Amino acid sequence: MAKIKVKKIKSAINRTQRQKRTLEALGLKKIGQVVEHDNTPNILGMIKKVNHLVSVETK
């Protein structure tokens, strides 16, 4: 399965609790942190909810 890299580029301060929990579920805590996930519909939906806070790179 294809992999994607997700990088947190903006702070979660003044964001909704749902967005903060989505970032945590993706494994993102600090700005600049990069995590790698499988390209699944679940992960893509989570990324779509916080796309203004992260950048995505396909591998």
PDB file of N, CA and C in Angstrom:
ATOM      1  N   MET A   1       0.834  -1.180   0.000  1.00  0.00           N
ATOM      2  CA  MET A   1       0.000   0.000   0.000  1.00  0.00           C
ATOM      3  C   MET A   1       0.882   1.249   0.000  1.00  0.00           C
ATOM      4  N   ALA A   2       0.426   2.288  -0.645  1.00  0.00           N
ATOM      5  CA  ALA A   2       1.191   3.528  -0.748  1.00  0.00           C
ATOM      6  C   ALA A   2       1.295   4.212   0.615  1.00  0.00           C
ATOM      7  N   LYS A   3       2.380   4.903   0.817  1.00  0.00           N
ATOM      8  CA  LYS A   3       2.614   5.632   2.061  1.00  0.00           C
ATOM      9  C   LYS A   3       2.515   7.126   1.793  1.00  0.00           C
ATOM     10  N   ILE A   4       2.106   7.870   2.814  1.00  0.00           N
ATOM     11  CA  ILE A   4       2.096   9.323   2.729  1.00  0.00           C
ATOM     12  C   ILE A   4       2.769   9.879   3.972  1.00  0.00           C
ATOM     13  N   LYS A   5       3.448  11.019   3.807  1.00  0.00           N
ATOM     14  CA  LYS A   5       4.086  11.704   4.925  1.00  0.00           C
ATOM     15  C   LYS A   5       3.247  12.920   5.269  1.00  0.00           C
ATOM     16  N   VAL A   6       2.958  13.070   6.549  1.00  0.00           N
ATOM     17  CA  VAL A   6       2.161  14.195   7.027  1.00  0.00           C
ATOM     18  C   VAL A   6       3.032  15.014   7.974  1.00  0.00           C
ATOM     19  N   LYS A   7       3.103  16.324   7.738  1.00  0.00           N
ATOM     20  CA  LYS A   7       3.928  17.215   8.550  1.00  0.00           C
ATOM     21  C   LYS A   7       3.056  18.307   9.144  1.00  0.00           C
ATOM     22  N   LYS A   8       3.180  18.507  10.448  1.00  0.00           N
ATOM     23  CA  LYS A   8       2.428  19.573  11.113  1.00  0.00           C
ATOM     24  C   LYS A   8       3.142  20.893  10.865  1.00  0.00           C
ATOM     25  N   ILE A   9       2.420  21.859  10.290  1.00  0.00           N
ATOM     26  CA  ILE A   9       3.052  23.133   9.943  1.00  0.00           C
ATOM     27  C   ILE A   9       2.480  24.321  10.711  1.00  0.00           C
ATOM     28  N   LYS A  10       1.342  24.132  11.386  1.00  0.00           N
ATOM     29  CA  LYS A  10       0.743  25.218  12.155  1.00  0.00           C
ATOM     30  C   LYS A  10       0.325  24.714  13.524  1.00  0.00           C
ATOM     31  N   SER A  11       0.186  25.648  14.450  1.00  0.00           N
ATOM     32  CA  SER A  11      -0.182  25.329  15.821  1.00  0.00           C
ATOM     33  C   SER A  11      -1.657  24.971  15.935  1.00  0.00           C
ATOM     34  N   ALA A  12      -1.981  24.202  16.965  1.00  0.00           N
ATOM     35  CA  ALA A  12      -3.366  23.819  17.235  1.00  0.00           C
ATOM     36  C   ALA A  12      -4.023  24.757  18.248  1.00  0.00           C
ATOM     37  N   ILE A  13      -3.323  25.799  18.658  1.00  0.00           N
ATOM     38  CA  ILE A  13      -3.896  26.775  19.589  1.00  0.00           C
ATOM     39  C   ILE A  13      -5.055  27.489  18.899  1.00  0.00           C
ATOM     40  N   ASN A  14      -6.121  27.721  19.638  1.00  0.00           N
ATOM     41  CA  ASN A  14      -7.352  28.358  19.136  1.00  0.00           C
ATOM     42  C   ASN A  14      -8.046  27.530  18.067  1.00  0.00           C
ATOM     43  N   ARG A  15      -7.876  26.230  18.094  1.00  0.00           N
ATOM     44  CA  ARG A  15      -8.580  25.314  17.183  1.00  0.00           C
ATOM     45  C   ARG A  15      -9.609  24.546  17.998  1.00  0.00           C
ATOM     46  N   THR A  16     -10.560  23.947  17.322  1.00  0.00           N
ATOM     47  CA  THR A  16     -11.585  23.184  18.032  1.00  0.00           C
ATOM     48  C   THR A  16     -10.974  21.930  18.656  1.00  0.00           C
ATOM     49  N   GLN A  17     -11.667  21.420  19.667  1.00  0.00           N
ATOM     50  CA  GLN A  17     -11.195  20.213  20.338  1.00  0.00           C
ATOM     51  C   GLN A  17     -11.129  19.043  19.353  1.00  0.00           C
ATOM     52  N   ARG A  18     -12.052  19.009  18.411  1.00  0.00           N
ATOM     53  CA  ARG A  18     -12.080  17.939  17.414  1.00  0.00           C
ATOM     54  C   ARG A  18     -10.818  17.953  16.550  1.00  0.00           C
ATOM     55  N   GLN A  19     -10.383  19.144  16.154  1.00  0.00           N
ATOM     56  CA  GLN A  19      -9.175  19.259  15.340  1.00  0.00           C
ATOM     57  C   GLN A  19      -7.942  18.873  16.146  1.00  0.00           C
ATOM     58  N   LYS A  20      -7.896  19.269  17.408  1.00  0.00           N
ATOM     59  CA  LYS A  20      -6.760  18.900  18.267  1.00  0.00           C
ATOM     60  C   LYS A  20      -6.670  17.382  18.420  1.00  0.00           C
ATOM     61  N   ARG A  21      -7.815  16.741  18.622  1.00  0.00           N
ATOM     62  CA  ARG A  21      -7.821  15.285  18.782  1.00  0.00           C
ATOM     63  C   ARG A  21      -7.471  14.572  17.486  1.00  0.00           C
ATOM     64  N   THR A  22      -7.853  15.148  16.364  1.00  0.00           N
ATOM     65  CA  THR A  22      -7.496  14.560  15.074  1.00  0.00           C
ATOM     66  C   THR A  22      -5.991  14.606  14.870  1.00  0.00           C
ATOM     67  N   LEU A  23      -5.359  15.723  15.224  1.00  0.00           N
ATOM     68  CA  LEU A  23      -3.898  15.812  15.122  1.00  0.00           C
ATOM     69  C   LEU A  23      -3.227  14.780  16.026  1.00  0.00           C
ATOM     70  N   GLU A  24      -3.744  14.615  17.232  1.00  0.00           N
ATOM     71  CA  GLU A  24      -3.193  13.613  18.150  1.00  0.00           C
ATOM     72  C   GLU A  24      -3.345  12.211  17.582  1.00  0.00           C
ATOM     73  N   ALA A  25      -4.503  11.944  16.979  1.00  0.00           N
ATOM     74  CA  ALA A  25      -4.758  10.620  16.406  1.00  0.00           C
ATOM     75  C   ALA A  25      -3.817  10.340  15.239  1.00  0.00           C
ATOM     76  N   LEU A  26      -3.419  11.385  14.528  1.00  0.00           N
ATOM     77  CA  LEU A  26      -2.458  11.220  13.446  1.00  0.00           C
ATOM     78  C   LEU A  26      -1.035  11.048  13.983  1.00  0.00           C
ATOM     79  N   GLY A  27      -0.837  11.333  15.262  1.00  0.00           N
ATOM     80  CA  GLY A  27       0.482  11.189  15.868  1.00  0.00           C
ATOM     81  C   GLY A  27       1.301  12.458  15.812  1.00  0.00           C
ATOM     82  N   LEU A  28       0.653  13.597  15.594  1.00  0.00           N
ATOM     83  CA  LEU A  28       1.354  14.872  15.477  1.00  0.00           C
ATOM     84  C   LEU A  28       1.220  15.672  16.762  1.00  0.00           C
ATOM     85  N   LYS A  29       2.365  16.028  17.364  1.00  0.00           N
ATOM     86  CA  LYS A  29       2.351  16.798  18.598  1.00  0.00           C
ATOM     87  C   LYS A  29       3.039  18.144  18.425  1.00  0.00           C
ATOM     88  N   LYS A  30       4.208  18.152  17.813  1.00  0.00           N
ATOM     89  CA  LYS A  30       4.990  19.383  17.691  1.00  0.00           C
ATOM     90  C   LYS A  30       4.996  19.887  16.253  1.00  0.00           C
ATOM     91  N   ILE A  31       5.148  21.187  16.106  1.00  0.00           N
ATOM     92  CA  ILE A  31       5.256  21.777  14.775  1.00  0.00           C
ATOM     93  C   ILE A  31       6.553  21.286  14.138  1.00  0.00           C
ATOM     94  N   GLY A  32       6.467  20.878  12.888  1.00  0.00           N
ATOM     95  CA  GLY A  32       7.627  20.360  12.180  1.00  0.00           C
ATOM     96  C   GLY A  32       7.759  18.850  12.265  1.00  0.00           C
ATOM     97  N   GLN A  33       6.963  18.221  13.094  1.00  0.00           N
ATOM     98  CA  GLN A  33       7.015  16.762  13.238  1.00  0.00           C
ATOM     99  C   GLN A  33       6.423  16.096  11.999  1.00  0.00           C
ATOM    100  N   VAL A  34       7.063  15.023  11.562  1.00  0.00           N
ATOM    101  CA  VAL A  34       6.619  14.286  10.380  1.00  0.00           C
ATOM    102  C   VAL A  34       6.289  12.856  10.786  1.00  0.00           C
ATOM    103  N   VAL A  35       5.133  12.371  10.326  1.00  0.00           N
ATOM    104  CA  VAL A  35       4.747  10.978  10.547  1.00  0.00           C
ATOM    105  C   VAL A  35       4.390  10.358   9.207  1.00  0.00           C
ATOM    106  N   GLU A  36       4.517   9.049   9.132  1.00  0.00           N
ATOM    107  CA  GLU A  36       4.225   8.325   7.896  1.00  0.00           C
ATOM    108  C   GLU A  36       3.058   7.378   8.146  1.00  0.00           C
ATOM    109  N   HIS A  37       2.077   7.409   7.250  1.00  0.00           N
ATOM    110  CA  HIS A  37       0.893   6.568   7.363  1.00  0.00           C
ATOM    111  C   HIS A  37       0.625   5.884   6.030  1.00  0.00           C
ATOM    112  N   ASP A  38      -0.160   4.802   6.088  1.00  0.00           N
ATOM    113  CA  ASP A  38      -0.657   4.174   4.869  1.00  0.00           C
ATOM    114  C   ASP A  38      -1.715   5.077   4.248  1.00  0.00           C
ATOM    115  N   ASN A  39      -1.837   5.017   2.945  1.00  0.00           N
ATOM    116  CA  ASN A  39      -2.802   5.836   2.217  1.00  0.00           C
ATOM    117  C   ASN A  39      -4.165   5.131   2.234  1.00  0.00           C
ATOM    118  N   THR A  40      -4.896   5.273   3.359  1.00  0.00           N
ATOM    119  CA  THR A  40      -6.202   4.643   3.515  1.00  0.00           C
ATOM    120  C   THR A  40      -7.280   5.721   3.580  1.00  0.00           C
ATOM    121  N   PRO A  41      -8.529   5.366   3.311  1.00  0.00           N
ATOM    122  CA  PRO A  41      -9.614   6.353   3.392  1.00  0.00           C
ATOM    123  C   PRO A  41      -9.748   6.983   4.781  1.00  0.00           C
ATOM    124  N   ASN A  42      -9.486   6.202   5.841  1.00  0.00           N
ATOM    125  CA  ASN A  42      -9.575   6.754   7.200  1.00  0.00           C
ATOM    126  C   ASN A  42      -8.564   7.869   7.413  1.00  0.00           C
ATOM    127  N   ILE A  43      -7.332   7.617   7.039  1.00  0.00           N
ATOM    128  CA  ILE A  43      -6.273   8.607   7.220  1.00  0.00           C
ATOM    129  C   ILE A  43      -6.526   9.829   6.330  1.00  0.00           C
ATOM    130  N   LEU A  44      -6.952   9.608   5.101  1.00  0.00           N
ATOM    131  CA  LEU A  44      -7.222  10.727   4.202  1.00  0.00           C
ATOM    132  C   LEU A  44      -8.355  11.609   4.719  1.00  0.00           C
ATOM    133  N   GLY A  45      -9.364  11.015   5.353  1.00  0.00           N
ATOM    134  CA  GLY A  45     -10.446  11.792   5.941  1.00  0.00           C
ATOM    135  C   GLY A  45      -9.968  12.632   7.110  1.00  0.00           C
ATOM    136  N   MET A  46      -9.072  12.066   7.919  1.00  0.00           N
ATOM    137  CA  MET A  46      -8.514  12.818   9.043  1.00  0.00           C
ATOM    138  C   MET A  46      -7.683  13.988   8.541  1.00  0.00           C
ATOM    139  N   ILE A  47      -6.900  13.754   7.501  1.00  0.00           N
ATOM    140  CA  ILE A  47      -6.068  14.811   6.932  1.00  0.00           C
ATOM    141  C   ILE A  47      -6.936  15.917   6.347  1.00  0.00           C
ATOM    142  N   LYS A  48      -8.039  15.546   5.732  1.00  0.00           N
ATOM    143  CA  LYS A  48      -8.939  16.535   5.137  1.00  0.00           C
ATOM    144  C   LYS A  48      -9.513  17.475   6.200  1.00  0.00           C
ATOM    145  N   LYS A  49      -9.768  16.964   7.394  1.00  0.00           N
ATOM    146  CA  LYS A  49     -10.319  17.776   8.472  1.00  0.00           C
ATOM    147  C   LYS A  49      -9.326  18.803   9.012  1.00  0.00           C
ATOM    148  N   VAL A  50      -8.023  18.507   8.887  1.00  0.00           N
ATOM    149  CA  VAL A  50      -7.005  19.417   9.421  1.00  0.00           C
ATOM    150  C   VAL A  50      -6.019  19.844   8.334  1.00  0.00           C
ATOM    151  N   ASN A  51      -6.472  19.897   7.082  1.00  0.00           N
ATOM    152  CA  ASN A  51      -5.556  20.192   5.973  1.00  0.00           C
ATOM    153  C   ASN A  51      -4.954  21.593   6.060  1.00  0.00           C
ATOM    154  N   HIS A  52      -5.559  22.498   6.809  1.00  0.00           N
ATOM    155  CA  HIS A  52      -5.008  23.837   6.974  1.00  0.00           C
ATOM    156  C   HIS A  52      -3.887  23.876   8.021  1.00  0.00           C
ATOM    157  N   LEU A  53      -3.679  22.782   8.730  1.00  0.00           N
ATOM    158  CA  LEU A  53      -2.644  22.706   9.763  1.00  0.00           C
ATOM    159  C   LEU A  53      -1.481  21.794   9.380  1.00  0.00           C
ATOM    160  N   VAL A  54      -1.630  21.041   8.301  1.00  0.00           N
ATOM    161  CA  VAL A  54      -0.617  20.052   7.927  1.00  0.00           C
ATOM    162  C   VAL A  54      -0.264  20.181   6.449  1.00  0.00           C
ATOM    163  N   SER A  55       0.872  19.593   6.085  1.00  0.00           N
ATOM    164  CA  SER A  55       1.220  19.442   4.674  1.00  0.00           C
ATOM    165  C   SER A  55       1.398  17.939   4.411  1.00  0.00           C
ATOM    166  N   VAL A  56       1.080  17.532   3.195  1.00  0.00           N
ATOM    167  CA  VAL A  56       1.089  16.110   2.863  1.00  0.00           C
ATOM    168  C   VAL A  56       1.998  15.883   1.663  1.00  0.00           C
ATOM    169  N   GLU A  57       2.792  14.814   1.763  1.00  0.00           N
ATOM    170  CA  GLU A  57       3.689  14.430   0.669  1.00  0.00           C
ATOM    171  C   GLU A  57       3.484  12.945   0.398  1.00  0.00           C
ATOM    172  N   THR A  58       3.208  12.623  -0.857  1.00  0.00           N
ATOM    173  CA  THR A  58       3.048  11.216  -1.213  1.00  0.00           C
ATOM    174  C   THR A  58       4.413  10.622  -1.531  1.00  0.00           C
ATOM    175  N   LYS A  59       4.539   9.355  -1.261  1.00  0.00           N
ATOM    176  CA  LYS A  59       5.826   8.684  -1.457  1.00  0.00           C
ATOM    177  C   LYS A  59       5.819   7.844  -2.695  1.00  0.00           C
TER     178      LYS A  59
END
